[in-house]
């Protein structure tokens, strides 16, 4: 068991996203490595994730000064991007069926201001999975405080677009 109470045994009843590998600097967490520097996802920084029991997953980002707005808190666009990415990573850890998905909707409530220098953890719950959709909800916490709540719908697509060139 890691220092944050996460136990690695019993992952067979939950999922891990395809291509995920254990993160060497964060025991119990997984990642896809670093995103290509030219990608939009790279602006979020390193994304970690792990299962949190059946139907639940956690995604983590490490906000820096680059994510801050002029008022001294994490920019809302950075938060929305992280939450969108956490729907996928956390949802797959929660047992969402593998496949290619696109976001149909995402509602976010800003409850408290996030700060740089301390990880944000997105606790994702898979509410329902149908053949074509995944319905998810959750809360983003920083230092144990609820900062943002969200709900979103992902649509499974049969033919993903080709990668950008």
Foldseek 3Di string as FASTA:
>chain_A
DDPVPDDPPPLPLFAFAPCWDADPVDPQKIFNPADPPPDPVNLQPTKIKAADDAQKIKIKTAAAPSQADPVQFGDPVSVVSVVLVCCVRGVRRNHADDADKDWPDKDKDFDATHHHDWMKMWMKGFPDYDPFKTKIWTFIDTPRDTGMTMITMITGDDDDDDDDD
